[in-house]
Each structure stands twice: as C-alpha cells, then as structure tokens.
Amino acid sequence: MTTAATPATTPGPDTTPAPDPTAPSPAPLAGLRVLDLATLFAGPLAATMLGDFGADVIKIEHPTRPDPSRGHGPAKDGVGLWWKLLGRNKRTVTLDLSTPGGRDLLLRMAAGADVVIENFRPGTLEKWGLGWEELSTANPRLVLARVTGFGQFGPYSHRPGFGTLAEAMSGFAAITGEPDGPPTLPPFGLADSIAALATAYAVMTALTGRQATGRGQVVDLAIIEPILTVLGPQPLWYDQLGYVQPRTGNRSRNNAPRNTYRTADGSWLAVSTSAQSIAERVMRLVGRPELAAEPWFATGGGRAEHADVLDDAVGGWIARHTRDEAMAAFEKAEAAIAPVYDIRDVMEDPQYRALDTVTEVPDPELGPLRMQNVLFRLSETPGSIRWAGRPHGADTDAVLADLGLSAPEIAALRSEGAL
C-alpha cells in the first residue's frame, strides 16, 4: 500500500546486503570514484547518471538530515520511492561536514576520489574549510562540480536557487501555456533534470581535460543556464529581430498542423508535420489535398499562419475516428502521430518494453521495483542498475574501514556527531 511520504530518520543497524563496488564490471566508468554531496535534484541526478555507467558513487548525507528526496513524494511502507531511483548505484555514508572530524574525513575521501559534486550555496564549503583550495591540495587531480541556482558569482549567486526559478527566469514559463492563459511551469523537475545532464557532460569533459593537463578543475554550473540553451535561438531572434516568442499552446510558430486532437473514443493524439512531405501526406489522408496546393502551404511558417484551417481539417477527421483507427491510418500513410500517454500507457507500451526503458530492479527493502533504465545503450560497455537507493548511512562503516579507520575510531567519530 502506498502511503504519504515522511522524512527519513537515522536508522538502527542496517541489515541490507552491502554492494561490492570492486566487482568486475564492463561499464566504461568502472574505477571512477564520485563523492555526491548534493541534494534535490540536479547534482544527485548527475551522480546517478555517472553511477549507471560504472562509477563508484558514494552518497554523503548529514547524519540527522538525510537527502530530502528520501521524503519527497509518495512512499511505500515508509520508504521514499523517489530515493530508490535517485539513490541507485550509490553507497550511502553519513558525515557532518561542519564538524572537524567530518571535514577531515571528507578530505581523506577526496584524496582517493576523482569527482566531488556539491550544491551548497557559494561560500559554504569554504566556511567549513573544504573549498577548492583545500580539496585540490588533498588531490590535485580532483574535479569539483559546483551546481547552484545562479552560479558561483554575480549579484544573485547567494540567493537560494531551485529549478522552478530557472524555469521562470529562462523564459520557459513565458512561452508555455495557452495564448490567453498564464505562464505555465512544468509539473516535474525540468530545469534540474536538464542541469543534471549538463553536469554529467561537464564532469566527463573535465575528466577528459585532466588526461591532457594532469590536473583537475572546478565545474561551475548554474541551473538557470542549461535550460536556456535547450530553449533554442530565442536570444538570437531577439538580438537580431527584436522578436519575443509568444505563448502558442500546443501550436508551433514554425509549422502546422501541430497540435493534440481528440478522437471519437475520447483519446488524445499528437500530430507533428515538421517536414513538408509529412504535412502533404496528412492533408491527403484527411481528405483535404487542395490545402496542400495553396501557396502558403509550401513553408512551415506559412502553414503556421493558417493553423486554424489546418487544425479544423485534421481535428475534424480525427474526431470521426477511434484512436486505433486514426493511428493505423496515419501509420499506413507514413505520417507522424503518437498517442498522448499517461504513465499507465508508458508501462504497457510495446516499444518501451522492447527497449527495456522501464526495467525491473531487485530491492531488499521493497522487493522488485520498476524504474527508468539507464539513459542509453552502449554495444560494448553497457551501463546497468546494480542496486536501488540504499538506506540512510547503510555503507558508512564499510567505506570508513576502506579508508583505514578502526572500529573504535568509527565509534568515536559517531559519538562526537561527525557520523
């Protein structure tokens, strides 16, 4: 039974079998060690992406304030499900970085690591004596990825920053929604997810640079920037033409017909005609070939200016057919169409099943779990989900023992609050 999420608490002795990060792996990032100090959501997701392809990711959380994703969203049997996804392929360690013992342990861990990912406000690590100067002294080959809302400098750098703010400030919300409606924010972590992809890419770029220089470096990633990049040429349009993209709902200013249309049996279908040949096929299919002969039909922009006419033609035809009928006809005509899915449809779709996009992962706490698979398939060195997110601090003793700490030393650090 799924219940409301509750914040995680520090567990008692953990009986979850410990993963073996040294097990043989064909994964391309095997041998790479990543310390994940970040929370919610861009930094941790970037670390997950690295772990999916073999990196040994050690998730470091505060002893009494775990990563908030453990209590974010629905939970089952008191176990947060989002964490099972975000925490996969990570060993979990508790460490209070603001204590002398925690600081010293992190520097010892950094000495044997390749990457540190953090998302504290600028100056926080420095306040704890864990800034770039100290980290790079401990390990000159270290890459430090700093993921914040607004970057490490500038007038907003010390503001709290979240993906929602980036979605607003990038211009995304301004162009999303119906023309006469309000700016619309996405109902999921869009900016954070884009920033995570960019962070993983930046880390791998910095590691490649290290091969040439022998030195690590700092990655400064502001969440407000990657989402602006994926929004396309808006700055260029404004710079050269003074053009400000408006809200157009499901329509595009670059081509038509492009919209969602309701079928006779109450389903919704999405149609795209970015290619001229596809647009012509759609007009023939819906019985309006004369529209394709109009001079304005010859360009995407011209079609977009006549979207009302084209939407009426396509929408009227789809409204007279069931989803299956419309899908079959479009496929036969080699025209682009897709059903509008919710997650139930995704889980049953044969294409997703063929790709194993949603895969099953065994978990000692909850049993088999189905979650998104790794991002892409490599033919020779594939990634994999070796385990789902583990309990808070489950691997603390094992990781510290690997550093050479004895059981009494670990107990002393725990008693002083460093662990």
Protein backbone atom coordinates (compact mmCIF):
# COMPACT_ATOMS: atom_id res chain seq x y z
CA MET A 1 0.00 0.00 0.00
CA THR A 2 1.34 3.44 -0.93
CA THR A 3 1.30 5.98 1.85
CA ALA A 4 2.23 9.62 2.19
CA ALA A 5 5.94 10.29 2.32
CA THR A 6 7.53 11.04 5.66
CA PRO A 7 11.02 12.40 6.31
CA ALA A 8 13.59 9.70 6.87
CA THR A 9 15.20 9.23 10.26
CA THR A 10 18.57 7.84 11.16
CA PRO A 11 18.16 4.04 11.08
CA GLY A 12 19.34 1.45 13.53
CA PRO A 13 21.78 -1.28 12.49
CA ASP A 14 21.38 -1.92 8.78
CA THR A 15 20.95 -5.46 7.52
CA THR A 16 20.80 -4.62 3.82
CA PRO A 17 23.49 -6.61 1.98
CA ALA A 18 26.36 -4.30 1.11
CA PRO A 19 27.11 -3.76 -2.57
CA ASP A 20 30.56 -4.58 -3.87
CA PRO A 21 31.93 -1.57 -5.78
CA THR A 22 35.02 -3.53 -6.78
CA ALA A 23 33.09 -6.32 -8.54
CA PRO A 24 34.21 -6.78 -12.16
CA SER A 25 32.24 -4.55 -14.49
CA PRO A 26 32.43 -3.90 -18.21
CA ALA A 27 30.97 -0.44 -17.60
CA PRO A 28 33.01 2.41 -19.12
CA LEU A 29 33.25 4.41 -15.85
CA ALA A 30 34.34 1.50 -13.67
CA GLY A 31 37.22 2.68 -11.48
CA LEU A 32 35.94 6.26 -11.30
CA ARG A 33 35.05 7.39 -7.77
CA VAL A 34 32.47 10.14 -7.21
CA LEU A 35 31.56 11.79 -3.91
CA ASP A 36 27.96 13.04 -4.07
CA LEU A 37 27.45 15.80 -1.50
CA ALA A 38 24.45 17.37 -3.27
CA THR A 39 20.69 17.30 -2.63
CA LEU A 40 17.50 17.97 -4.61
CA PHE A 41 17.91 17.26 -7.57
CA ALA A 42 20.36 18.31 -10.29
CA GLY A 43 23.61 17.34 -8.56
CA PRO A 44 22.42 13.97 -7.23
CA LEU A 45 20.88 13.05 -10.60
CA ALA A 46 24.17 13.83 -12.35
CA ALA A 47 25.90 11.47 -9.90
CA THR A 48 23.26 8.82 -10.61
CA MET A 49 24.00 9.08 -14.33
CA LEU A 50 27.69 8.51 -13.66
CA GLY A 51 26.90 5.58 -11.37
CA ASP A 52 24.72 3.99 -14.03
CA PHE A 53 27.81 3.53 -16.18
CA GLY A 54 30.01 2.03 -13.50
CA ALA A 55 31.32 4.89 -11.35
CA ASP A 56 31.64 4.11 -7.63
CA VAL A 57 29.36 6.82 -6.26
CA ILE A 58 29.46 7.49 -2.52
CA LYS A 59 26.47 9.48 -1.37
CA ILE A 60 27.32 11.63 1.66
CA GLU A 61 24.38 12.77 3.78
CA HIS A 62 24.06 14.60 7.08
CA PRO A 63 23.65 12.18 10.00
CA THR A 64 20.26 13.59 11.07
CA ARG A 65 19.13 15.45 7.91
CA PRO A 66 19.12 12.97 5.02
CA ASP A 67 18.75 13.97 1.40
CA PRO A 68 15.20 15.42 1.19
CA SER A 69 14.43 13.17 -1.78
CA ARG A 70 14.08 10.32 0.73
CA GLY A 71 10.87 12.00 1.93
CA HIS A 72 9.83 13.64 -1.34
CA GLY A 73 6.63 12.35 -2.96
CA PRO A 74 4.85 9.05 -2.29
CA ALA A 75 6.35 6.35 -0.08
CA LYS A 76 5.67 2.65 0.42
CA ASP A 77 5.99 1.12 3.89
CA GLY A 78 7.67 4.34 4.99
CA VAL A 79 10.35 4.11 2.29
CA GLY A 80 10.51 7.03 -0.14
CA LEU A 81 10.22 5.80 -3.73
CA TRP A 82 11.90 8.77 -5.40
CA TRP A 83 15.05 7.97 -3.44
CA LYS A 84 15.05 4.43 -4.83
CA LEU A 85 15.52 5.98 -8.28
CA LEU A 86 17.80 8.91 -7.39
CA GLY A 87 19.93 6.88 -4.99
CA ARG A 88 20.50 3.87 -7.21
CA ASN A 89 24.07 2.65 -7.74
CA LYS A 90 25.26 4.73 -4.77
CA ARG A 91 26.81 3.67 -1.47
CA THR A 92 25.44 5.76 1.39
CA VAL A 93 27.56 7.37 4.10
CA THR A 94 26.63 9.81 6.87
CA LEU A 95 29.02 12.68 7.56
CA ASP A 96 28.60 16.07 9.20
CA LEU A 97 30.92 18.23 7.13
CA SER A 98 30.65 21.15 9.54
CA THR A 99 32.48 19.20 12.28
CA PRO A 100 36.27 18.85 12.43
CA GLY A 101 36.00 15.08 12.22
CA GLY A 102 33.67 15.25 9.24
CA ARG A 103 35.91 17.76 7.47
CA ASP A 104 38.99 15.63 7.94
CA LEU A 105 37.22 12.50 6.74
CA LEU A 106 35.96 14.22 3.60
CA LEU A 107 39.47 15.40 2.74
CA ARG A 108 40.72 11.84 3.19
CA MET A 109 37.97 10.56 0.95
CA ALA A 110 38.61 13.28 -1.64
CA ALA A 111 42.27 12.25 -1.78
CA GLY A 112 41.18 8.96 -3.34
CA ALA A 113 38.29 10.29 -5.43
CA ASP A 114 38.02 11.64 -8.96
CA VAL A 115 34.94 13.84 -8.64
CA VAL A 116 33.09 15.76 -5.94
CA ILE A 117 29.59 17.05 -6.72
CA GLU A 118 28.09 19.67 -4.39
CA ASN A 119 25.25 22.20 -4.44
CA PHE A 120 25.70 24.25 -1.27
CA ARG A 121 25.33 28.00 -1.54
CA PRO A 122 28.61 29.62 -2.62
CA GLY A 123 30.97 30.01 0.33
CA THR A 124 29.53 27.14 2.41
CA LEU A 125 32.31 24.65 1.69
CA GLU A 126 34.86 27.41 2.21
CA LYS A 127 33.33 28.18 5.62
CA TRP A 128 33.92 24.55 6.60
CA GLY A 129 37.49 24.53 5.33
CA LEU A 130 36.51 22.39 2.35
CA GLY A 131 36.81 24.85 -0.51
CA TRP A 132 38.66 24.29 -3.75
CA GLU A 133 41.98 25.28 -2.19
CA GLU A 134 41.76 22.55 0.45
CA LEU A 135 40.24 19.91 -1.85
CA SER A 136 42.75 20.44 -4.65
CA THR A 137 45.60 20.37 -2.13
CA ALA A 138 44.36 16.99 -0.94
CA ASN A 139 44.02 15.79 -4.55
CA PRO A 140 45.33 17.93 -7.43
CA ARG A 141 43.57 15.64 -9.93
CA LEU A 142 40.13 16.16 -8.38
CA VAL A 143 37.21 17.59 -10.38
CA LEU A 144 34.83 19.65 -8.24
CA ALA A 145 31.37 20.14 -9.78
CA ARG A 146 29.50 23.01 -8.14
CA VAL A 147 25.81 23.03 -9.09
CA THR A 148 23.83 26.03 -7.86
CA GLY A 149 20.82 28.04 -8.95
CA PHE A 150 22.76 31.08 -10.11
CA GLY A 151 26.43 30.11 -10.26
CA GLN A 152 29.40 30.97 -8.06
CA PHE A 153 29.49 34.72 -8.75
CA GLY A 154 27.23 37.59 -9.79
CA PRO A 155 24.52 39.56 -7.99
CA TYR A 156 22.22 36.55 -7.46
CA SER A 157 24.86 33.97 -6.55
CA HIS A 158 23.98 33.87 -2.84
CA ARG A 159 20.23 33.57 -3.37
CA PRO A 160 18.60 30.19 -2.75
CA GLY A 161 18.02 28.67 -6.17
CA PHE A 162 15.72 25.91 -7.35
CA GLY A 163 14.69 24.53 -10.71
CA THR A 164 11.34 26.32 -10.55
CA LEU A 165 13.13 29.67 -10.52
CA ALA A 166 15.18 28.64 -13.54
CA GLU A 167 12.04 27.58 -15.40
CA ALA A 168 10.63 31.05 -14.73
CA MET A 169 13.77 33.12 -15.39
CA SER A 170 14.91 31.25 -18.51
CA GLY A 171 11.80 32.19 -20.48
CA PHE A 172 10.42 28.66 -20.45
CA ALA A 173 7.29 29.53 -18.45
CA ALA A 174 6.67 32.63 -20.57
CA ILE A 175 6.26 30.58 -23.77
CA THR A 176 4.38 27.67 -22.15
CA GLY A 177 0.59 27.62 -21.92
CA GLU A 178 -2.35 28.88 -23.95
CA PRO A 179 -2.09 32.33 -25.58
CA ASP A 180 -4.73 33.83 -23.27
CA GLY A 181 -3.61 31.86 -20.19
CA PRO A 182 -0.92 32.44 -17.55
CA PRO A 183 2.75 31.45 -17.89
CA THR A 184 2.93 27.75 -17.04
CA LEU A 185 5.52 25.86 -15.01
CA PRO A 186 6.20 22.16 -15.65
CA PRO A 187 4.80 19.68 -13.09
CA PHE A 188 8.18 17.98 -12.70
CA GLY A 189 11.85 18.92 -12.25
CA LEU A 190 12.58 20.01 -15.82
CA ALA A 191 15.35 22.55 -15.18
CA ASP A 192 17.01 20.31 -12.59
CA SER A 193 16.99 17.35 -14.97
CA ILE A 194 18.47 19.37 -17.83
CA ALA A 195 21.11 20.71 -15.42
CA ALA A 196 21.90 17.14 -14.33
CA LEU A 197 22.56 16.10 -17.92
CA ALA A 198 24.75 19.17 -18.39
CA THR A 199 26.63 18.45 -15.15
CA ALA A 200 27.37 14.86 -16.12
CA TYR A 201 28.60 16.10 -19.51
CA ALA A 202 30.71 18.79 -17.83
CA VAL A 203 32.27 16.30 -15.43
CA MET A 204 33.25 13.96 -18.25
CA THR A 205 34.65 16.92 -20.21
CA ALA A 206 36.73 17.99 -17.20
CA LEU A 207 37.98 14.43 -16.71
CA THR A 208 39.00 14.29 -20.36
CA GLY A 209 40.83 17.58 -19.91
CA ARG A 210 42.62 16.05 -16.93
CA GLN A 211 44.16 13.46 -19.23
CA ALA A 212 45.95 16.26 -21.04
CA THR A 213 46.89 18.51 -18.10
CA GLY A 214 47.19 16.03 -15.24
CA ARG A 215 45.14 18.43 -13.10
CA GLY A 216 41.55 18.64 -12.00
CA GLN A 217 39.41 21.76 -12.16
CA VAL A 218 36.18 23.37 -10.98
CA VAL A 219 32.91 22.98 -12.88
CA ASP A 220 30.66 25.99 -12.18
CA LEU A 221 27.15 25.14 -13.36
CA ALA A 222 24.20 27.48 -12.82
CA ILE A 223 20.81 25.80 -13.17
CA ILE A 224 19.44 28.89 -14.95
CA GLU A 225 21.77 28.30 -17.92
CA PRO A 226 21.27 24.79 -19.43
CA ILE A 227 17.51 25.25 -19.74
CA LEU A 228 18.09 28.49 -21.63
CA THR A 229 20.29 26.58 -24.07
CA VAL A 230 17.61 23.99 -24.85
CA LEU A 231 15.02 26.72 -25.49
CA GLY A 232 16.68 27.35 -28.83
CA PRO A 233 17.55 30.57 -30.66
CA GLN A 234 15.41 32.97 -28.63
CA PRO A 235 18.33 35.26 -27.66
CA LEU A 236 19.44 35.35 -31.30
CA TRP A 237 15.94 36.12 -32.52
CA TYR A 238 15.61 38.96 -30.05
CA ASP A 239 19.12 40.28 -30.71
CA GLN A 240 18.72 40.39 -34.48
CA LEU A 241 14.98 40.94 -34.95
CA GLY A 242 13.58 42.14 -31.63
CA TYR A 243 11.31 39.09 -31.76
CA VAL A 244 9.83 37.78 -28.50
CA GLN A 245 8.30 34.31 -28.78
CA PRO A 246 4.69 34.28 -27.52
CA ARG A 247 2.67 31.53 -25.89
CA THR A 248 1.01 29.37 -28.53
CA GLY A 249 -0.37 26.43 -26.55
CA ASN A 250 0.25 23.19 -28.42
CA ARG A 251 0.78 25.00 -31.68
CA SER A 252 4.11 25.97 -33.18
CA ARG A 253 5.05 29.23 -34.88
CA ASN A 254 7.28 27.22 -37.21
CA ASN A 255 4.91 24.66 -38.71
CA ALA A 256 1.34 23.37 -38.79
CA PRO A 257 -0.66 21.26 -38.26
CA ARG A 258 0.98 20.61 -34.91
CA ASN A 259 -1.40 20.03 -32.05
CA THR A 260 -3.24 17.48 -29.94
CA TYR A 261 -6.58 16.24 -31.24
CA ARG A 262 -9.35 14.26 -29.56
CA THR A 263 -10.58 11.00 -31.08
CA ALA A 264 -14.11 9.61 -31.33
CA ASP A 265 -13.45 7.35 -28.34
CA GLY A 266 -12.13 10.16 -26.11
CA SER A 267 -8.39 9.63 -26.50
CA TRP A 268 -5.88 12.30 -27.48
CA LEU A 269 -3.39 12.12 -30.33
CA ALA A 270 -0.43 14.38 -31.11
CA VAL A 271 0.39 15.20 -34.73
CA SER A 272 3.65 16.70 -35.99
CA THR A 273 4.33 17.92 -39.53
CA SER A 274 7.80 19.45 -39.26
CA ALA A 275 8.68 18.00 -42.68
CA GLN A 276 6.89 19.33 -45.76
CA SER A 277 6.32 15.85 -47.17
CA ILE A 278 4.64 14.75 -43.94
CA ALA A 279 2.32 17.77 -43.99
CA GLU A 280 1.27 16.93 -47.54
CA ARG A 281 0.59 13.30 -46.62
CA VAL A 282 -1.58 14.38 -43.71
CA MET A 283 -3.70 16.61 -45.94
CA ARG A 284 -4.25 13.78 -48.40
CA LEU A 285 -5.11 11.41 -45.54
CA VAL A 286 -7.75 13.69 -44.04
CA GLY A 287 -9.33 14.35 -47.44
CA ARG A 288 -8.14 17.94 -47.90
CA PRO A 289 -5.49 17.70 -50.67
CA GLU A 290 -6.49 21.10 -52.02
CA LEU A 291 -4.96 22.75 -48.95
CA ALA A 292 -1.54 21.36 -49.88
CA ALA A 293 -1.82 23.17 -53.21
CA GLU A 294 -2.17 26.60 -51.56
CA PRO A 295 0.91 28.85 -51.98
CA TRP A 296 1.13 29.39 -48.22
CA PHE A 297 1.34 25.64 -47.61
CA ALA A 298 4.83 25.48 -49.11
CA THR A 299 6.59 26.66 -45.93
CA GLY A 300 6.29 25.81 -42.25
CA GLY A 301 5.80 29.46 -41.37
CA GLY A 302 3.05 29.82 -43.96
CA ARG A 303 1.26 26.77 -42.61
CA ALA A 304 1.57 28.12 -39.07
CA GLU A 305 -0.19 31.32 -40.15
CA HIS A 306 -3.13 29.18 -41.29
CA ALA A 307 -3.19 26.87 -38.27
CA ASP A 308 -6.90 27.39 -37.69
CA VAL A 309 -7.75 25.98 -41.12
CA LEU A 310 -5.34 23.07 -40.79
CA ASP A 311 -6.38 22.22 -37.23
CA ASP A 312 -10.01 22.18 -38.33
CA ALA A 313 -9.20 19.76 -41.16
CA VAL A 314 -7.07 17.40 -39.09
CA GLY A 315 -9.07 17.70 -35.89
CA GLY A 316 -12.35 17.13 -37.69
CA TRP A 317 -11.06 13.95 -39.34
CA ILE A 318 -9.55 12.55 -36.12
CA ALA A 319 -12.76 13.32 -34.21
CA ARG A 320 -14.62 10.92 -36.52
CA HIS A 321 -12.24 8.02 -35.84
CA THR A 322 -11.21 5.99 -32.83
CA ARG A 323 -7.64 6.12 -31.57
CA ASP A 324 -6.75 2.78 -33.15
CA GLU A 325 -8.33 3.73 -36.47
CA ALA A 326 -6.53 7.04 -36.65
CA MET A 327 -3.20 5.53 -35.59
CA ALA A 328 -3.46 2.79 -38.23
CA ALA A 329 -4.37 5.25 -40.98
CA PHE A 330 -1.53 7.62 -40.14
CA GLU A 331 0.96 4.75 -39.97
CA LYS A 332 -0.19 3.45 -43.37
CA ALA A 333 0.20 6.96 -44.80
CA GLU A 334 3.68 7.28 -43.22
CA ALA A 335 2.56 10.36 -41.34
CA ALA A 336 3.79 11.25 -37.84
CA ILE A 337 1.36 10.67 -34.98
CA ALA A 338 1.55 9.48 -31.38
CA PRO A 339 -0.94 8.83 -28.59
CA VAL A 340 -0.86 11.13 -25.57
CA TYR A 341 0.15 8.72 -22.80
CA ASP A 342 -0.09 8.81 -19.08
CA ILE A 343 2.25 6.61 -17.06
CA ARG A 344 -0.12 3.64 -17.26
CA ASP A 345 0.23 3.66 -21.04
CA VAL A 346 4.00 4.04 -20.84
CA MET A 347 4.27 0.94 -18.68
CA GLU A 348 2.34 -1.16 -21.22
CA ASP A 349 3.71 0.22 -24.50
CA PRO A 350 5.40 -2.46 -26.66
CA GLN A 351 8.14 -0.12 -27.91
CA TYR A 352 9.17 0.86 -24.40
CA ARG A 353 9.05 -2.83 -23.46
CA ALA A 354 11.25 -3.78 -26.41
CA LEU A 355 13.81 -1.17 -25.37
CA ASP A 356 13.52 -2.17 -21.67
CA THR A 357 13.11 1.55 -20.96
CA VAL A 358 11.37 0.74 -17.69
CA THR A 359 13.25 -2.16 -16.14
CA GLU A 360 12.88 -4.29 -13.03
CA VAL A 361 15.37 -3.90 -10.19
CA PRO A 362 15.52 -6.19 -7.12
CA ASP A 363 15.48 -4.38 -3.78
CA PRO A 364 15.99 -5.86 -0.28
CA GLU A 365 13.57 -3.39 1.30
CA LEU A 366 10.63 -3.37 -1.11
CA GLY A 367 11.15 -6.33 -3.41
CA PRO A 368 11.14 -5.94 -7.22
CA LEU A 369 10.90 -2.33 -8.39
CA ARG A 370 10.23 -0.99 -11.87
CA MET A 371 12.04 2.23 -12.76
CA GLN A 372 13.62 4.00 -15.73
CA ASN A 373 16.63 2.20 -17.15
CA VAL A 374 19.98 3.83 -17.95
CA LEU A 375 19.81 6.70 -20.45
CA PHE A 376 21.30 4.97 -23.49
CA ARG A 377 22.60 1.65 -24.76
CA LEU A 378 26.29 1.04 -25.45
CA SER A 379 27.06 -2.00 -27.57
CA GLU A 380 30.38 -2.90 -25.92
CA THR A 381 30.43 -1.34 -22.43
CA PRO A 382 26.81 -1.03 -21.28
CA GLY A 383 25.59 0.62 -18.12
CA SER A 384 23.37 -1.08 -15.58
CA ILE A 385 21.35 -0.60 -12.41
CA ARG A 386 23.26 -2.63 -9.86
CA TRP A 387 21.05 -1.72 -6.90
CA ALA A 388 18.30 0.74 -5.97
CA GLY A 389 18.68 3.54 -3.43
CA ARG A 390 20.01 2.19 -0.13
CA PRO A 391 19.07 3.07 3.46
CA HIS A 392 20.45 6.21 5.06
CA GLY A 393 24.07 5.62 6.08
CA ALA A 394 23.99 1.93 5.19
CA ASP A 395 27.62 1.87 3.99
CA THR A 396 29.25 4.29 6.45
CA ASP A 397 31.26 1.74 8.40
CA ALA A 398 32.40 -0.17 5.30
CA VAL A 399 33.54 2.96 3.47
CA LEU A 400 35.41 4.30 6.50
CA ALA A 401 37.00 0.92 7.08
CA ASP A 402 38.27 1.10 3.50
CA LEU A 403 39.94 4.38 4.49
CA GLY A 404 41.79 2.51 7.22
CA LEU A 405 39.70 3.55 10.23
CA SER A 406 39.32 1.01 13.01
CA ALA A 407 36.01 0.13 14.64
CA PRO A 408 36.89 2.15 17.81
CA GLU A 409 37.81 5.18 15.66
CA ILE A 410 34.50 4.96 13.81
CA ALA A 411 32.63 4.63 17.10
CA ALA A 412 34.42 7.69 18.49
CA LEU A 413 33.52 9.77 15.42
CA ARG A 414 29.91 8.65 15.71
CA SER A 415 29.77 9.59 19.40
CA GLU A 416 31.07 13.10 18.67
CA GLY A 417 28.39 13.61 15.98
CA ALA A 418 30.66 13.54 12.94
CA LEU A 419 28.84 10.48 11.56
